[in-house]
PDB file of N, CA and C in Angstrom:
ATOM      1  N   UNK A   1       0.802  -1.135  -0.010  1.00  0.00           N
ATOM      2  CA  UNK A   1      -0.021   0.059   0.054  1.00  0.00           C
ATOM      3  C   UNK A   1       0.834   1.224  -0.014  1.00  0.00           C
ATOM      4  N   UNK A   2       1.974   1.176   0.775  1.00  0.00           N
ATOM      5  CA  UNK A   2       2.873   2.379   0.733  1.00  0.00           C
ATOM      6  C   UNK A   2       3.527   2.663  -0.549  1.00  0.00           C
ATOM      7  N   UNK A   3       3.740   1.642  -1.390  1.00  0.00           N
ATOM      8  CA  UNK A   3       4.265   1.772  -2.646  1.00  0.00           C
ATOM      9  C   UNK A   3       3.328   2.433  -3.607  1.00  0.00           C
ATOM     10  N   UNK A   4       2.067   2.172  -3.476  1.00  0.00           N
ATOM     11  CA  UNK A   4       1.086   2.711  -4.257  1.00  0.00           C
ATOM     12  C   UNK A   4       0.906   4.310  -3.980  1.00  0.00           C
ATOM     13  N   UNK A   5       0.954   4.502  -2.653  1.00  0.00           N
ATOM     14  CA  UNK A   5       0.979   6.005  -2.270  1.00  0.00           C
ATOM     15  C   UNK A   5       2.115   6.848  -2.781  1.00  0.00           C
ATOM     16  N   UNK A   6       3.323   6.140  -2.677  1.00  0.00           N
ATOM     17  CA  UNK A   6       4.557   6.773  -3.187  1.00  0.00           C
ATOM     18  C   UNK A   6       4.497   6.992  -4.705  1.00  0.00           C
ATOM     19  N   UNK A   7       3.950   5.980  -5.367  1.00  0.00           N
ATOM     20  CA  UNK A   7       3.859   6.097  -6.797  1.00  0.00           C
ATOM     21  C   UNK A   7       2.787   7.083  -7.252  1.00  0.00           C
ATOM     22  N   UNK A   8       1.745   7.281  -6.480  1.00  0.00           N
ATOM     23  CA  UNK A   8       0.682   8.257  -6.738  1.00  0.00           C
ATOM     24  C   UNK A   8       1.317   9.673  -6.634  1.00  0.00           C
ATOM     25  N   UNK A   9       2.023   9.883  -5.450  1.00  0.00           N
ATOM     26  CA  UNK A   9       2.765  11.144  -5.197  1.00  0.00           C
ATOM     27  C   UNK A   9       3.719  11.474  -6.206  1.00  0.00           C
ATOM     28  N   UNK A  10       4.493  10.594  -6.638  1.00  0.00           N
ATOM     29  CA  UNK A  10       5.449  10.786  -7.720  1.00  0.00           C
ATOM     30  C   UNK A  10       4.761  11.156  -9.042  1.00  0.00           C
ATOM     31  N   UNK A  11       3.630  10.376  -9.289  1.00  0.00           N
ATOM     32  CA  UNK A  11       2.896  10.639 -10.535  1.00  0.00           C
ATOM     33  C   UNK A  11       2.295  12.115 -10.548  1.00  0.00           C
ATOM     34  N   UNK A  12       1.792  12.496  -9.333  1.00  0.00           N
ATOM     35  CA  UNK A  12       1.185  13.907  -9.309  1.00  0.00           C
ATOM     36  C   UNK A  12       2.353  14.902  -9.458  1.00  0.00           C
ATOM     37  N   UNK A  13       3.415  14.714  -8.788  1.00  0.00           N
ATOM     38  CA  UNK A  13       4.583  15.672  -8.904  1.00  0.00           C
ATOM     39  C   UNK A  13       4.997  15.743 -10.347  1.00  0.00           C
ATOM     40  N   UNK A  14       5.172  14.529 -11.032  1.00  0.00           N
ATOM     41  CA  UNK A  14       5.629  14.569 -12.368  1.00  0.00           C
ATOM     42  C   UNK A  14       4.583  15.309 -13.318  1.00  0.00           C
ATOM     43  N   UNK A  15       3.355  15.113 -13.071  1.00  0.00           N
ATOM     44  CA  UNK A  15       2.380  15.693 -13.918  1.00  0.00           C
ATOM     45  C   UNK A  15       2.351  17.329 -13.700  1.00  0.00           C
ATOM     46  N   UNK A  16       2.566  17.691 -12.339  1.00  0.00           N
ATOM     47  CA  UNK A  16       2.654  19.185 -12.132  1.00  0.00           C
ATOM     48  C   UNK A  16       3.869  19.747 -12.767  1.00  0.00           C
ATOM     49  N   UNK A  17       4.994  19.034 -12.828  1.00  0.00           N
ATOM     50  CA  UNK A  17       6.184  19.518 -13.470  1.00  0.00           C
ATOM     51  C   UNK A  17       5.928  19.822 -14.958  1.00  0.00           C
ATOM     52  N   UNK A  18       5.093  19.022 -15.571  1.00  0.00           N
ATOM     53  CA  UNK A  18       4.827  19.054 -17.044  1.00  0.00           C
ATOM     54  C   UNK A  18       3.827  20.201 -17.291  1.00  0.00           C
ATOM     55  N   UNK A  19       2.875  20.405 -16.361  1.00  0.00           N
ATOM     56  CA  UNK A  19       1.896  21.417 -16.531  1.00  0.00           C
ATOM     57  C   UNK A  19       2.417  22.883 -16.194  1.00  0.00           C
ATOM     58  N   UNK A  20       3.223  22.956 -15.150  1.00  0.00           N
ATOM     59  CA  UNK A  20       3.702  24.222 -14.651  1.00  0.00           C
ATOM     60  C   UNK A  20       4.929  24.672 -15.392  1.00  0.00           C
ATOM     61  N   UNK A  21       5.113  25.952 -15.686  1.00  0.00           N
ATOM     62  CA  UNK A  21       6.291  26.458 -16.235  1.00  0.00           C
ATOM     63  C   UNK A  21       6.534  27.863 -15.616  1.00  0.00           C
ATOM     64  N   UNK A  22       7.774  28.074 -15.376  1.00  0.00           N
ATOM     65  CA  UNK A  22       8.244  29.364 -14.625  1.00  0.00           C
ATOM     66  C   UNK A  22       9.432  29.901 -15.279  1.00  0.00           C
ATOM     67  N   UNK A  23       9.640  31.200 -15.227  1.00  0.00           N
ATOM     68  CA  UNK A  23      10.765  31.765 -15.727  1.00  0.00           C
ATOM     69  C   UNK A  23      11.229  32.930 -14.794  1.00  0.00           C
ATOM     70  N   UNK A  24      12.430  32.918 -14.475  1.00  0.00           N
ATOM     71  CA  UNK A  24      13.054  33.961 -13.538  1.00  0.00           C
ATOM     72  C   UNK A  24      14.037  34.776 -14.410  1.00  0.00           C
ATOM     73  N   UNK A  25      13.925  36.081 -14.451  1.00  0.00           N
ATOM     74  CA  UNK A  25      14.853  36.777 -15.221  1.00  0.00           C
ATOM     75  C   UNK A  25      15.423  37.876 -14.239  1.00  0.00           C
ATOM     76  N   UNK A  26      16.667  37.850 -14.071  1.00  0.00           N
ATOM     77  CA  UNK A  26      17.267  38.815 -13.204  1.00  0.00           C
ATOM     78  C   UNK A  26      18.039  39.859 -14.054  1.00  0.00           C
ATOM     79  N   UNK A  27      17.680  41.023 -13.957  1.00  0.00           N
ATOM     80  CA  UNK A  27      18.341  42.097 -14.681  1.00  0.00           C
ATOM     81  C   UNK A  27      19.286  42.960 -13.791  1.00  0.00           C
ATOM     82  N   UNK A  28      20.148  43.766 -14.326  1.00  0.00           N
ATOM     83  CA  UNK A  28      21.011  44.623 -13.523  1.00  0.00           C
ATOM     84  C   UNK A  28      20.202  45.539 -12.672  1.00  0.00           C
ATOM     85  N   UNK A  29      19.008  45.940 -13.048  1.00  0.00           N
ATOM     86  CA  UNK A  29      18.146  46.910 -12.231  1.00  0.00           C
ATOM     87  C   UNK A  29      17.231  46.205 -11.317  1.00  0.00           C
ATOM     88  N   UNK A  30      17.638  45.061 -10.862  1.00  0.00           N
ATOM     89  CA  UNK A  30      16.624  44.216 -10.022  1.00  0.00           C
ATOM     90  C   UNK A  30      17.202  44.261  -8.627  1.00  0.00           C
ATOM     91  N   UNK A  31      16.272  44.479  -7.666  1.00  0.00           N
ATOM     92  CA  UNK A  31      16.659  44.323  -6.192  1.00  0.00           C
ATOM     93  C   UNK A  31      17.124  45.699  -5.638  1.00  0.00           C
ATOM     94  N   UNK A  32      17.280  45.688  -4.294  1.00  0.00           N
ATOM     95  CA  UNK A  32      17.664  46.780  -3.510  1.00  0.00           C
ATOM     96  C   UNK A  32      19.045  47.194  -3.848  1.00  0.00           C
ATOM     97  N   UNK A  33      20.016  46.271  -4.126  1.00  0.00           N
ATOM     98  CA  UNK A  33      21.351  46.708  -4.380  1.00  0.00           C
ATOM     99  C   UNK A  33      21.665  47.070  -5.728  1.00  0.00           C
ATOM    100  N   UNK A  34      20.694  47.260  -6.489  1.00  0.00           N
ATOM    101  CA  UNK A  34      21.029  47.606  -7.976  1.00  0.00           C
ATOM    102  C   UNK A  34      21.464  49.117  -7.991  1.00  0.00           C
ATOM    103  N   UNK A  35      22.204  49.498  -8.951  1.00  0.00           N
ATOM    104  CA  UNK A  35      22.751  50.850  -9.043  1.00  0.00           C
ATOM    105  C   UNK A  35      21.555  51.841  -9.087  1.00  0.00           C
ATOM    106  N   UNK A  36      20.481  51.515  -9.768  1.00  0.00           N
ATOM    107  CA  UNK A  36      19.330  52.423  -9.830  1.00  0.00           C
ATOM    108  C   UNK A  36      18.634  52.694  -8.522  1.00  0.00           C
ATOM    109  N   UNK A  37      18.655  51.706  -7.605  1.00  0.00           N
ATOM    110  CA  UNK A  37      18.021  51.917  -6.250  1.00  0.00           C
ATOM    111  C   UNK A  37      18.902  52.705  -5.392  1.00  0.00           C
ATOM    112  N   UNK A  38      20.160  52.878  -5.690  1.00  0.00           N
ATOM    113  CA  UNK A  38      21.051  53.702  -4.796  1.00  0.00           C
ATOM    114  C   UNK A  38      21.233  55.106  -5.302  1.00  0.00           C
ATOM    115  N   UNK A  39      20.450  55.466  -6.300  1.00  0.00           N
ATOM    116  CA  UNK A  39      20.442  56.838  -6.865  1.00  0.00           C
ATOM    117  C   UNK A  39      21.577  56.990  -7.872  1.00  0.00           C
ATOM    118  N   UNK A  40      22.092  55.996  -8.460  1.00  0.00           N
ATOM    119  CA  UNK A  40      23.021  56.034  -9.381  1.00  0.00           C
ATOM    120  C   UNK A  40      22.537  55.378 -10.676  1.00  0.00           C
ATOM    121  N   UNK A  41      22.572  56.136 -11.725  1.00  0.00           N
ATOM    122  CA  UNK A  41      22.051  55.755 -13.044  1.00  0.00           C
ATOM    123  C   UNK A  41      23.128  54.790 -13.625  1.00  0.00           C
ATOM    124  N   UNK A  42      22.784  53.615 -14.140  1.00  0.00           N
ATOM    125  CA  UNK A  42      23.810  52.765 -14.771  1.00  0.00           C
ATOM    126  C   UNK A  42      24.555  53.406 -15.915  1.00  0.00           C
ATOM    127  N   UNK A  43      24.000  54.428 -16.494  1.00  0.00           N
ATOM    128  CA  UNK A  43      24.718  55.147 -17.694  1.00  0.00           C
ATOM    129  C   UNK A  43      25.679  56.113 -17.147  1.00  0.00           C
ATOM    130  N   UNK A  44      25.810  56.290 -15.873  1.00  0.00           N
ATOM    131  CA  UNK A  44      26.861  57.181 -15.313  1.00  0.00           C
ATOM    132  C   UNK A  44      26.384  58.420 -14.582  1.00  0.00           C
ATOM    133  N   UNK A  45      25.207  58.975 -15.070  1.00  0.00           N
ATOM    134  CA  UNK A  45      24.731  60.155 -14.378  1.00  0.00           C
ATOM    135  C   UNK A  45      24.003  59.784 -13.114  1.00  0.00           C
ATOM    136  N   UNK A  46      24.025  60.699 -12.174  1.00  0.00           N
ATOM    137  CA  UNK A  46      23.307  60.306 -10.944  1.00  0.00           C
ATOM    138  C   UNK A  46      22.024  61.149 -10.921  1.00  0.00           C
ATOM    139  N   UNK A  47      21.138  60.664 -10.168  1.00  0.00           N
ATOM    140  CA  UNK A  47      19.868  61.362  -9.835  1.00  0.00           C
ATOM    141  C   UNK A  47      19.381  61.052  -8.452  1.00  0.00           C
ATOM    142  N   UNK A  48      18.625  62.010  -7.914  1.00  0.00           N
ATOM    143  CA  UNK A  48      18.150  61.798  -6.587  1.00  0.00           C
ATOM    144  C   UNK A  48      16.989  60.704  -6.572  1.00  0.00           C
ATOM    145  N   UNK A  49      16.865  60.036  -5.492  1.00  0.00           N
ATOM    146  CA  UNK A  49      15.956  58.931  -5.370  1.00  0.00           C
ATOM    147  C   UNK A  49      14.540  59.613  -5.272  1.00  0.00           C
ATOM    148  N   UNK A  50      14.356  60.750  -4.751  1.00  0.00           N
ATOM    149  CA  UNK A  50      13.091  61.500  -4.632  1.00  0.00           C
ATOM    150  C   UNK A  50      12.578  61.844  -6.082  1.00  0.00           C
ATOM    151  N   UNK A  51      13.500  62.230  -7.012  1.00  0.00           N
ATOM    152  CA  UNK A  51      13.101  62.711  -8.312  1.00  0.00           C
ATOM    153  C   UNK A  51      12.387  61.450  -8.944  1.00  0.00           C
ATOM    154  N   UNK A  52      12.831  60.284  -8.771  1.00  0.00           N
ATOM    155  CA  UNK A  52      12.210  59.195  -9.529  1.00  0.00           C
ATOM    156  C   UNK A  52      10.801  58.902  -9.096  1.00  0.00           C
ATOM    157  N   UNK A  53      10.420  59.407  -7.911  1.00  0.00           N
ATOM    158  CA  UNK A  53       9.111  59.101  -7.383  1.00  0.00           C
ATOM    159  C   UNK A  53       8.136  60.314  -7.486  1.00  0.00           C
ATOM    160  N   UNK A  54       8.505  61.307  -7.936  1.00  0.00           N
ATOM    161  CA  UNK A  54       7.775  62.550  -8.107  1.00  0.00           C
ATOM    162  C   UNK A  54       6.546  62.322  -9.093  1.00  0.00           C
ATOM    163  N   UNK A  55       5.379  62.762  -8.804  1.00  0.00           N
ATOM    164  CA  UNK A  55       4.191  62.619  -9.593  1.00  0.00           C
ATOM    165  C   UNK A  55       4.029  64.050 -10.309  1.00  0.00           C
ATOM    166  N   UNK A  56       3.804  64.100 -11.589  1.00  0.00           N
ATOM    167  CA  UNK A  56       3.632  65.385 -12.183  1.00  0.00           C
ATOM    168  C   UNK A  56       2.436  66.154 -11.623  1.00  0.00           C
ATOM    169  N   UNK A  57       2.590  67.450 -11.482  1.00  0.00           N
ATOM    170  CA  UNK A  57       1.595  68.350 -10.873  1.00  0.00           C
ATOM    171  C   UNK A  57       0.261  68.265 -11.734  1.00  0.00           C
ATOM    172  N   UNK A  58       0.467  68.132 -13.123  1.00  0.00           N
ATOM    173  CA  UNK A  58      -0.740  68.088 -13.940  1.00  0.00           C
ATOM    174  C   UNK A  58      -1.576  66.817 -13.640  1.00  0.00           C
ATOM    175  N   UNK A  59      -0.933  65.771 -13.345  1.00  0.00           N
ATOM    176  CA  UNK A  59      -1.690  64.551 -13.144  1.00  0.00           C
ATOM    177  C   UNK A  59      -2.454  64.691 -11.810  1.00  0.00           C
ATOM    178  N   UNK A  60      -1.785  65.271 -10.833  1.00  0.00           N
ATOM    179  CA  UNK A  60      -2.474  65.444  -9.496  1.00  0.00           C
ATOM    180  C   UNK A  60      -3.741  66.487  -9.700  1.00  0.00           C
ATOM    181  N   UNK A  61      -3.572  67.467 -10.516  1.00  0.00           N
ATOM    182  CA  UNK A  61      -4.663  68.350 -10.787  1.00  0.00           C
ATOM    183  C   UNK A  61      -5.838  67.696 -11.355  1.00  0.00           C
ATOM    184  N   UNK A  62      -5.535  66.823 -12.351  1.00  0.00           N
ATOM    185  CA  UNK A  62      -6.649  66.066 -13.007  1.00  0.00           C
ATOM    186  C   UNK A  62      -7.340  65.169 -12.008  1.00  0.00           C
ATOM    187  N   UNK A  63      -6.644  64.479 -11.163  1.00  0.00           N
ATOM    188  CA  UNK A  63      -7.222  63.611 -10.214  1.00  0.00           C
ATOM    189  C   UNK A  63      -8.019  64.393  -9.249  1.00  0.00           C
ATOM    190  N   UNK A  64      -7.475  65.606  -8.764  1.00  0.00           N
ATOM    191  CA  UNK A  64      -8.145  66.480  -7.823  1.00  0.00           C
ATOM    192  C   UNK A  64      -9.559  67.001  -8.413  1.00  0.00           C
ATOM    193  N   UNK A  65      -9.529  67.330  -9.651  1.00  0.00           N
ATOM    194  CA  UNK A  65     -10.728  67.798 -10.367  1.00  0.00           C
ATOM    195  C   UNK A  65     -11.754  66.698 -10.419  1.00  0.00           C
ATOM    196  N   UNK A  66     -11.307  65.534 -10.755  1.00  0.00           N
ATOM    197  CA  UNK A  66     -12.201  64.324 -10.851  1.00  0.00           C
ATOM    198  C   UNK A  66     -12.833  64.072  -9.514  1.00  0.00           C
ATOM    199  N   UNK A  67     -12.099  64.149  -8.466  1.00  0.00           N
ATOM    200  CA  UNK A  67     -12.644  63.950  -7.050  1.00  0.00           C
ATOM    201  C   UNK A  67     -13.757  65.044  -6.752  1.00  0.00           C
ATOM    202  N   UNK A  68     -13.280  66.349  -7.153  1.00  0.00           N
ATOM    203  CA  UNK A  68     -14.218  67.414  -6.806  1.00  0.00           C
ATOM    204  C   UNK A  68     -15.603  67.223  -7.675  1.00  0.00           C
ATOM    205  N   UNK A  69     -15.483  66.769  -8.904  1.00  0.00           N
ATOM    206  CA  UNK A  69     -16.701  66.558  -9.689  1.00  0.00           C
ATOM    207  C   UNK A  69     -17.541  65.442  -9.161  1.00  0.00           C
ATOM    208  N   UNK A  70     -16.993  64.375  -8.705  1.00  0.00           N
ATOM    209  CA  UNK A  70     -17.650  63.284  -8.069  1.00  0.00           C
ATOM    210  C   UNK A  70     -18.337  63.665  -6.680  1.00  0.00           C
ATOM    211  N   UNK A  71     -17.602  64.510  -5.904  1.00  0.00           N
ATOM    212  CA  UNK A  71     -18.069  64.947  -4.660  1.00  0.00           C
ATOM    213  C   UNK A  71     -19.323  65.871  -4.942  1.00  0.00           C
ATOM    214  N   UNK A  72     -19.294  66.665  -5.976  1.00  0.00           N
ATOM    215  CA  UNK A  72     -20.351  67.575  -6.243  1.00  0.00           C
ATOM    216  C   UNK A  72     -21.583  66.740  -6.770  1.00  0.00           C
ATOM    217  N   UNK A  73     -21.337  65.679  -7.485  1.00  0.00           N
ATOM    218  CA  UNK A  73     -22.422  64.825  -7.882  1.00  0.00           C
ATOM    219  C   UNK A  73     -23.155  64.207  -6.655  1.00  0.00           C
ATOM    220  N   UNK A  74     -22.376  63.744  -5.617  1.00  0.00           N
ATOM    221  CA  UNK A  74     -22.909  63.198  -4.432  1.00  0.00           C
ATOM    222  C   UNK A  74     -23.654  64.296  -3.610  1.00  0.00           C
ATOM    223  N   UNK A  75     -23.199  65.431  -3.560  1.00  0.00           N
ATOM    224  CA  UNK A  75     -23.874  66.509  -2.857  1.00  0.00           C
ATOM    225  C   UNK A  75     -25.180  66.847  -3.640  1.00  0.00           C
ATOM    226  N   UNK A  76     -25.120  66.951  -4.930  1.00  0.00           N
ATOM    227  CA  UNK A  76     -26.394  67.162  -5.753  1.00  0.00           C
ATOM    228  C   UNK A  76     -27.445  66.046  -5.464  1.00  0.00           C
ATOM    229  N   UNK A  77     -26.940  64.832  -5.417  1.00  0.00           N
ATOM    230  CA  UNK A  77     -27.949  63.623  -5.288  1.00  0.00           C
ATOM    231  C   UNK A  77     -28.456  63.671  -3.840  1.00  0.00           C
ATOM    232  N   UNK A  78     -27.703  64.044  -2.891  1.00  0.00           N
ATOM    233  CA  UNK A  78     -28.231  64.027  -1.519  1.00  0.00           C
ATOM    234  C   UNK A  78     -29.191  65.175  -1.269  1.00  0.00           C
ATOM    235  N   UNK A  79     -29.178  66.079  -1.988  1.00  0.00           N
ATOM    236  CA  UNK A  79     -30.084  67.288  -1.889  1.00  0.00           C
ATOM    237  C   UNK A  79     -31.418  67.028  -2.417  1.00  0.00           C
ATOM    238  N   UNK A  80     -31.546  66.081  -3.372  1.00  0.00           N
ATOM    239  CA  UNK A  80     -32.828  65.828  -3.981  1.00  0.00           C
ATOM    240  C   UNK A  80     -33.695  64.919  -3.220  1.00  0.00           C
TER     241      UNK A  80
END
């Protein structure tokens, strides 16, 4: 009986290996220790880490106006 269970487990593992496929790709810009994460551009020029995370002001204004418009719709509906 133990042989049958072992054979069943091996068969399931083998079938999963045929069904599943994975790929890992490690690039130079991957991980905390990459040059880009430390504020150093791989091309030689440096940049501040905060500059990489800045959101353009225009995008923020568009989002702000959309929120204002939705809030106004809610106020208008609640007054009816």
